[in-house]
């Protein structure tokens, strides 16, 4: 299951792309349009800036905007930055995870196939596909 952090981050990215006029967009405007808590979006936006998804500035004409063109972002990139690995099981999420059953696990191929499908799906969706 994906948390509100990941889902809301995708919504913020869409909002920024749709309302891009070259200037910074105030977070309060995004929160109003998306019907989300501004306080919660402040936390999410800070993490999005740290992850290199958006850039922000404070002051009278402050706000946020995309760092790149919308067509260069994938949903998978946004979700992984906000949620962490898209892996379904611990042994695939963490390369250093030690599982004593890995060499004979009957279910591992299924999880690997599932994770490939999820990765291909989300990394195959560009931000512009959602506009």
N, C-alpha and C. Protein backbone atom coordinates (compact mmCIF):
# COMPACT_ATOMS: atom_id res chain seq x y z
N UNK A 1 0.85 -1.17 0.00
CA UNK A 1 0.00 0.00 0.00
C UNK A 1 0.90 1.24 0.00
N UNK A 2 0.48 2.22 -0.74
CA UNK A 2 1.24 3.47 -0.80
C UNK A 2 0.62 4.47 0.16
N UNK A 3 1.49 5.18 0.86
CA UNK A 3 1.03 6.12 1.88
C UNK A 3 0.57 7.43 1.24
N UNK A 4 0.00 8.28 2.09
CA UNK A 4 -0.42 9.60 1.62
C UNK A 4 0.79 10.42 1.16
N UNK A 5 1.95 10.17 1.73
CA UNK A 5 3.16 10.90 1.31
C UNK A 5 3.40 10.73 -0.18
N UNK A 6 3.40 9.51 -0.63
CA UNK A 6 3.64 9.23 -2.04
C UNK A 6 2.50 9.70 -2.93
N UNK A 7 1.29 9.41 -2.51
CA UNK A 7 0.11 9.80 -3.31
C UNK A 7 -0.02 11.31 -3.40
N UNK A 8 0.16 12.01 -2.29
CA UNK A 8 0.06 13.47 -2.30
C UNK A 8 1.21 14.09 -3.08
N UNK A 9 2.39 13.50 -3.01
CA UNK A 9 3.52 14.03 -3.78
C UNK A 9 3.22 13.98 -5.28
N UNK A 10 2.61 12.90 -5.73
CA UNK A 10 2.23 12.81 -7.14
C UNK A 10 1.21 13.91 -7.47
N UNK A 11 0.26 14.13 -6.59
CA UNK A 11 -0.74 15.19 -6.81
C UNK A 11 -0.09 16.57 -6.85
N UNK A 12 0.88 16.81 -5.98
CA UNK A 12 1.60 18.09 -5.98
C UNK A 12 2.34 18.26 -7.29
N UNK A 13 2.99 17.21 -7.74
CA UNK A 13 3.73 17.28 -9.01
C UNK A 13 2.80 17.61 -10.17
N UNK A 14 1.64 16.97 -10.21
CA UNK A 14 0.66 17.24 -11.26
C UNK A 14 0.19 18.69 -11.18
N UNK A 15 -0.10 19.15 -9.97
CA UNK A 15 -0.56 20.53 -9.77
C UNK A 15 0.51 21.52 -10.25
N UNK A 16 1.75 21.28 -9.89
CA UNK A 16 2.82 22.18 -10.32
C UNK A 16 2.97 22.18 -11.84
N UNK A 17 2.84 21.01 -12.45
CA UNK A 17 2.95 20.92 -13.91
C UNK A 17 1.79 21.65 -14.60
N UNK A 18 0.59 21.46 -14.09
CA UNK A 18 -0.60 22.08 -14.69
C UNK A 18 -0.60 23.60 -14.55
N UNK A 19 -0.03 24.10 -13.49
CA UNK A 19 -0.09 25.53 -13.19
C UNK A 19 1.24 26.24 -13.42
N UNK A 20 2.12 25.60 -14.17
CA UNK A 20 3.45 26.16 -14.41
C UNK A 20 3.38 27.34 -15.37
N UNK A 21 3.76 28.50 -14.87
CA UNK A 21 3.89 29.68 -15.73
C UNK A 21 5.29 30.27 -15.58
N UNK A 22 6.20 29.48 -15.02
CA UNK A 22 7.56 29.93 -14.84
C UNK A 22 7.84 30.52 -13.46
N UNK A 23 6.78 30.84 -12.73
CA UNK A 23 6.98 31.42 -11.40
C UNK A 23 6.76 30.35 -10.33
N UNK A 24 7.12 30.71 -9.11
CA UNK A 24 6.93 29.79 -7.98
C UNK A 24 5.45 29.82 -7.58
N UNK A 25 4.93 28.66 -7.24
CA UNK A 25 3.52 28.53 -6.87
C UNK A 25 3.41 28.36 -5.36
N UNK A 26 2.67 29.25 -4.70
CA UNK A 26 2.54 29.14 -3.24
C UNK A 26 1.90 27.81 -2.82
N UNK A 27 2.41 27.25 -1.74
CA UNK A 27 1.91 25.98 -1.24
C UNK A 27 0.44 26.09 -0.82
N UNK A 28 0.04 27.24 -0.34
CA UNK A 28 -1.37 27.41 0.07
C UNK A 28 -2.30 27.26 -1.14
N UNK A 29 -1.85 27.69 -2.33
CA UNK A 29 -2.66 27.53 -3.53
C UNK A 29 -2.79 26.06 -3.92
N UNK A 30 -1.68 25.34 -3.81
CA UNK A 30 -1.69 23.91 -4.12
C UNK A 30 -2.60 23.19 -3.13
N UNK A 31 -2.45 23.50 -1.85
CA UNK A 31 -3.26 22.86 -0.80
C UNK A 31 -4.75 23.10 -1.04
N UNK A 32 -5.11 24.31 -1.43
CA UNK A 32 -6.52 24.61 -1.70
C UNK A 32 -7.03 23.84 -2.90
N UNK A 33 -6.28 23.87 -3.99
CA UNK A 33 -6.73 23.17 -5.21
C UNK A 33 -6.83 21.67 -4.99
N UNK A 34 -5.90 21.11 -4.21
CA UNK A 34 -5.86 19.67 -3.99
C UNK A 34 -6.66 19.23 -2.77
N UNK A 35 -7.22 20.20 -2.05
CA UNK A 35 -8.00 19.92 -0.84
C UNK A 35 -7.19 19.08 0.16
N UNK A 36 -5.97 19.57 0.43
CA UNK A 36 -5.07 18.90 1.34
C UNK A 36 -4.62 19.88 2.42
N UNK A 37 -4.18 19.34 3.54
CA UNK A 37 -3.68 20.15 4.64
C UNK A 37 -2.38 20.84 4.24
N UNK A 38 -2.33 22.16 4.39
CA UNK A 38 -1.11 22.91 4.07
C UNK A 38 0.02 22.48 4.99
N UNK A 39 -0.28 22.25 6.26
CA UNK A 39 0.76 21.83 7.21
C UNK A 39 1.40 20.50 6.78
N UNK A 40 0.58 19.56 6.36
CA UNK A 40 1.10 18.27 5.92
C UNK A 40 1.89 18.43 4.61
N UNK A 41 1.39 19.27 3.73
CA UNK A 41 2.10 19.51 2.47
C UNK A 41 3.45 20.18 2.70
N UNK A 42 3.58 20.97 3.75
CA UNK A 42 4.87 21.58 4.06
C UNK A 42 5.93 20.50 4.32
N UNK A 43 5.54 19.48 5.04
CA UNK A 43 6.45 18.36 5.34
C UNK A 43 6.79 17.61 4.06
N UNK A 44 5.78 17.31 3.28
CA UNK A 44 5.97 16.58 2.03
C UNK A 44 6.83 17.39 1.06
N UNK A 45 6.54 18.68 0.93
CA UNK A 45 7.29 19.54 0.01
C UNK A 45 8.76 19.62 0.40
N UNK A 46 9.04 19.68 1.69
CA UNK A 46 10.43 19.71 2.16
C UNK A 46 11.17 18.44 1.70
N UNK A 47 10.51 17.30 1.81
CA UNK A 47 11.12 16.04 1.38
C UNK A 47 11.25 15.98 -0.15
N UNK A 48 10.31 16.59 -0.84
CA UNK A 48 10.38 16.62 -2.30
C UNK A 48 11.54 17.50 -2.77
N UNK A 49 11.79 18.59 -2.06
CA UNK A 49 12.94 19.45 -2.37
C UNK A 49 14.23 18.68 -2.10
N UNK A 50 14.31 18.02 -0.95
CA UNK A 50 15.50 17.25 -0.59
C UNK A 50 15.75 16.12 -1.60
N UNK A 51 14.68 15.57 -2.16
CA UNK A 51 14.80 14.49 -3.14
C UNK A 51 15.06 14.98 -4.55
N UNK A 52 15.11 16.28 -4.75
CA UNK A 52 15.41 16.82 -6.07
C UNK A 52 14.24 16.84 -7.04
N UNK A 53 13.03 16.68 -6.53
CA UNK A 53 11.86 16.70 -7.40
C UNK A 53 11.41 18.12 -7.72
N UNK A 54 11.46 18.99 -6.72
CA UNK A 54 11.00 20.36 -6.87
C UNK A 54 12.01 21.30 -6.22
N UNK A 55 11.85 22.57 -6.51
CA UNK A 55 12.66 23.58 -5.88
C UNK A 55 11.73 24.59 -5.22
N UNK A 56 12.18 25.18 -4.15
CA UNK A 56 11.34 26.12 -3.43
C UNK A 56 12.10 27.38 -3.05
N UNK A 57 11.34 28.42 -2.82
CA UNK A 57 11.90 29.67 -2.36
C UNK A 57 10.90 30.32 -1.42
N UNK A 58 11.40 31.07 -0.47
CA UNK A 58 10.51 31.73 0.48
C UNK A 58 10.42 33.21 0.15
N UNK A 59 9.53 33.88 0.82
CA UNK A 59 9.37 35.31 0.61
C UNK A 59 8.07 35.65 -0.08
N UNK A 60 7.95 36.91 -0.47
CA UNK A 60 6.70 37.42 -1.03
C UNK A 60 6.24 36.65 -2.27
N UNK A 61 7.15 36.32 -3.14
CA UNK A 61 6.80 35.58 -4.36
C UNK A 61 7.30 34.14 -4.28
N UNK A 62 7.32 33.62 -3.06
CA UNK A 62 7.84 32.28 -2.83
C UNK A 62 6.86 31.19 -3.19
N UNK A 63 7.35 30.00 -3.13
CA UNK A 63 6.53 28.82 -3.43
C UNK A 63 7.41 27.72 -3.97
N UNK A 64 6.82 26.91 -4.84
CA UNK A 64 7.51 25.75 -5.37
C UNK A 64 7.29 25.66 -6.87
N UNK A 65 8.22 24.98 -7.52
CA UNK A 65 8.08 24.66 -8.94
C UNK A 65 8.92 23.42 -9.25
N UNK A 66 8.64 22.83 -10.38
CA UNK A 66 9.37 21.64 -10.79
C UNK A 66 10.81 22.00 -11.12
N UNK A 67 11.72 21.08 -10.89
CA UNK A 67 13.13 21.28 -11.23
C UNK A 67 13.39 21.03 -12.71
N UNK A 68 12.54 20.19 -13.31
CA UNK A 68 12.73 19.79 -14.71
C UNK A 68 11.40 19.89 -15.44
N UNK A 69 11.44 19.60 -16.70
CA UNK A 69 10.23 19.57 -17.51
C UNK A 69 9.36 18.39 -17.06
N UNK A 70 8.03 18.57 -17.04
CA UNK A 70 7.13 17.52 -16.55
C UNK A 70 7.30 16.16 -17.25
N UNK A 71 7.61 16.18 -18.53
CA UNK A 71 7.73 14.91 -19.25
C UNK A 71 8.95 14.09 -18.85
N UNK A 72 9.86 14.67 -18.08
CA UNK A 72 11.05 13.92 -17.67
C UNK A 72 10.86 13.17 -16.36
N UNK A 73 9.76 13.44 -15.66
CA UNK A 73 9.49 12.76 -14.39
C UNK A 73 8.66 11.51 -14.63
N UNK A 74 8.97 10.45 -13.89
CA UNK A 74 8.10 9.28 -13.89
C UNK A 74 7.42 9.18 -12.52
N UNK A 75 6.28 8.55 -12.51
CA UNK A 75 5.57 8.32 -11.24
C UNK A 75 6.43 7.45 -10.33
N UNK A 76 7.12 6.48 -10.92
CA UNK A 76 8.00 5.61 -10.14
C UNK A 76 9.07 6.39 -9.40
N UNK A 77 9.66 7.36 -10.07
CA UNK A 77 10.69 8.19 -9.44
C UNK A 77 10.11 8.94 -8.24
N UNK A 78 8.95 9.53 -8.41
CA UNK A 78 8.31 10.28 -7.32
C UNK A 78 8.01 9.35 -6.15
N UNK A 79 7.40 8.21 -6.45
CA UNK A 79 7.03 7.28 -5.38
C UNK A 79 8.25 6.75 -4.64
N UNK A 80 9.31 6.40 -5.37
CA UNK A 80 10.50 5.88 -4.69
C UNK A 80 11.17 6.92 -3.83
N UNK A 81 11.21 8.16 -4.29
CA UNK A 81 11.82 9.22 -3.47
C UNK A 81 11.01 9.44 -2.20
N UNK A 82 9.71 9.37 -2.32
CA UNK A 82 8.85 9.64 -1.17
C UNK A 82 8.59 8.42 -0.29
N UNK A 83 8.55 7.24 -0.87
CA UNK A 83 8.17 6.02 -0.14
C UNK A 83 9.34 5.08 0.13
N UNK A 84 10.39 5.18 -0.66
CA UNK A 84 11.45 4.20 -0.59
C UNK A 84 11.24 3.17 -1.69
N UNK A 85 11.98 2.07 -1.65
CA UNK A 85 11.89 1.07 -2.72
C UNK A 85 10.45 0.58 -2.93
N UNK A 86 10.12 0.32 -4.18
CA UNK A 86 8.78 -0.16 -4.52
C UNK A 86 8.67 -1.67 -4.35
N UNK A 87 9.65 -2.28 -3.73
CA UNK A 87 9.67 -3.73 -3.56
C UNK A 87 8.59 -4.21 -2.61
N UNK A 88 8.09 -5.39 -2.91
CA UNK A 88 6.99 -5.96 -2.14
C UNK A 88 7.44 -6.76 -0.91
N UNK A 89 8.66 -7.24 -0.93
CA UNK A 89 9.15 -8.04 0.19
C UNK A 89 10.55 -7.56 0.60
N UNK A 90 10.90 -7.78 1.85
CA UNK A 90 12.15 -7.27 2.41
C UNK A 90 13.38 -7.78 1.66
N UNK A 91 13.36 -9.01 1.23
CA UNK A 91 14.55 -9.57 0.60
C UNK A 91 14.84 -8.93 -0.76
N UNK A 92 13.86 -8.29 -1.36
CA UNK A 92 14.08 -7.59 -2.62
C UNK A 92 14.26 -6.08 -2.41
N UNK A 93 13.75 -5.57 -1.32
CA UNK A 93 13.85 -4.13 -1.04
C UNK A 93 15.25 -3.74 -0.60
N UNK A 94 15.93 -4.63 0.10
CA UNK A 94 17.24 -4.33 0.67
C UNK A 94 18.24 -5.36 0.18
N UNK A 95 19.18 -4.92 -0.64
CA UNK A 95 20.19 -5.84 -1.20
C UNK A 95 21.02 -6.52 -0.11
N UNK A 96 21.14 -5.88 1.05
CA UNK A 96 21.93 -6.44 2.14
C UNK A 96 21.11 -7.35 3.06
N UNK A 97 19.85 -7.50 2.78
CA UNK A 97 18.98 -8.34 3.61
C UNK A 97 19.44 -9.79 3.51
N UNK A 98 19.64 -10.39 4.64
CA UNK A 98 20.09 -11.79 4.68
C UNK A 98 18.88 -12.69 4.93
N UNK A 99 18.56 -13.50 3.96
CA UNK A 99 17.46 -14.46 4.11
C UNK A 99 18.03 -15.86 3.95
N UNK A 100 17.85 -16.67 4.93
CA UNK A 100 18.39 -18.03 4.89
C UNK A 100 17.67 -18.90 3.87
N UNK A 101 16.51 -18.48 3.43
CA UNK A 101 15.72 -19.28 2.48
C UNK A 101 15.92 -18.86 1.03
N UNK A 102 16.68 -17.80 0.80
CA UNK A 102 16.77 -17.23 -0.55
C UNK A 102 17.14 -18.26 -1.62
N UNK A 103 18.06 -19.13 -1.35
CA UNK A 103 18.54 -20.08 -2.37
C UNK A 103 17.51 -21.15 -2.73
N UNK A 104 16.51 -21.35 -1.88
CA UNK A 104 15.52 -22.40 -2.19
C UNK A 104 14.08 -21.91 -1.99
N UNK A 105 13.89 -20.62 -1.93
CA UNK A 105 12.56 -20.05 -1.70
C UNK A 105 11.67 -20.26 -2.93
N UNK A 106 10.57 -20.94 -2.73
CA UNK A 106 9.65 -21.22 -3.82
C UNK A 106 8.87 -19.97 -4.26
N UNK A 107 8.73 -19.00 -3.37
CA UNK A 107 7.92 -17.83 -3.70
C UNK A 107 8.73 -16.66 -4.27
N UNK A 108 10.05 -16.70 -4.12
CA UNK A 108 10.88 -15.58 -4.56
C UNK A 108 10.68 -15.24 -6.04
N UNK A 109 10.63 -16.20 -6.95
CA UNK A 109 10.41 -15.84 -8.36
C UNK A 109 9.09 -15.08 -8.58
N UNK A 110 8.06 -15.43 -7.83
CA UNK A 110 6.78 -14.74 -7.94
C UNK A 110 6.93 -13.28 -7.52
N UNK A 111 7.60 -13.03 -6.38
CA UNK A 111 7.79 -11.67 -5.89
C UNK A 111 8.67 -10.87 -6.85
N UNK A 112 9.67 -11.51 -7.42
CA UNK A 112 10.52 -10.82 -8.40
C UNK A 112 9.72 -10.41 -9.63
N UNK A 113 8.88 -11.30 -10.09
CA UNK A 113 8.03 -10.99 -11.26
C UNK A 113 7.06 -9.85 -10.92
N UNK A 114 6.44 -9.93 -9.75
CA UNK A 114 5.51 -8.88 -9.33
C UNK A 114 6.22 -7.53 -9.25
N UNK A 115 7.39 -7.51 -8.62
CA UNK A 115 8.14 -6.26 -8.48
C UNK A 115 8.54 -5.70 -9.85
N UNK A 116 8.89 -6.55 -10.78
CA UNK A 116 9.21 -6.08 -12.15
C UNK A 116 7.99 -5.42 -12.78
N UNK A 117 6.82 -6.04 -12.61
CA UNK A 117 5.59 -5.46 -13.18
C UNK A 117 5.28 -4.11 -12.56
N UNK A 118 5.40 -4.00 -11.25
CA UNK A 118 5.14 -2.74 -10.56
C UNK A 118 6.14 -1.67 -11.03
N UNK A 119 7.41 -2.04 -11.09
CA UNK A 119 8.44 -1.11 -11.52
C UNK A 119 8.17 -0.63 -12.96
N UNK A 120 7.91 -1.56 -13.85
CA UNK A 120 7.63 -1.19 -15.25
C UNK A 120 6.39 -0.31 -15.36
N UNK A 121 5.38 -0.61 -14.56
CA UNK A 121 4.14 0.18 -14.61
C UNK A 121 4.41 1.62 -14.17
N UNK A 122 4.97 1.81 -12.97
CA UNK A 122 5.16 3.15 -12.44
C UNK A 122 6.26 3.93 -13.16
N UNK A 123 7.32 3.25 -13.59
CA UNK A 123 8.37 3.95 -14.33
C UNK A 123 7.98 4.15 -15.79
N UNK A 124 6.92 3.49 -16.23
CA UNK A 124 6.39 3.70 -17.58
C UNK A 124 5.39 4.83 -17.64
N UNK A 125 4.98 5.35 -16.50
CA UNK A 125 4.01 6.46 -16.43
C UNK A 125 4.77 7.75 -16.20
N UNK A 126 4.69 8.64 -17.16
CA UNK A 126 5.29 9.96 -17.02
C UNK A 126 4.28 10.89 -16.36
N UNK A 127 4.80 11.92 -15.71
CA UNK A 127 3.93 12.91 -15.08
C UNK A 127 2.94 13.47 -16.11
N UNK A 128 3.41 13.69 -17.32
CA UNK A 128 2.54 14.24 -18.36
C UNK A 128 1.42 13.28 -18.77
N UNK A 129 1.59 12.00 -18.53
CA UNK A 129 0.51 11.04 -18.82
C UNK A 129 -0.69 11.27 -17.92
N UNK A 130 -0.47 11.91 -16.78
CA UNK A 130 -1.53 12.12 -15.81
C UNK A 130 -2.20 13.49 -15.93
N UNK A 131 -1.67 14.33 -16.80
CA UNK A 131 -2.23 15.67 -16.96
C UNK A 131 -3.49 15.64 -17.82
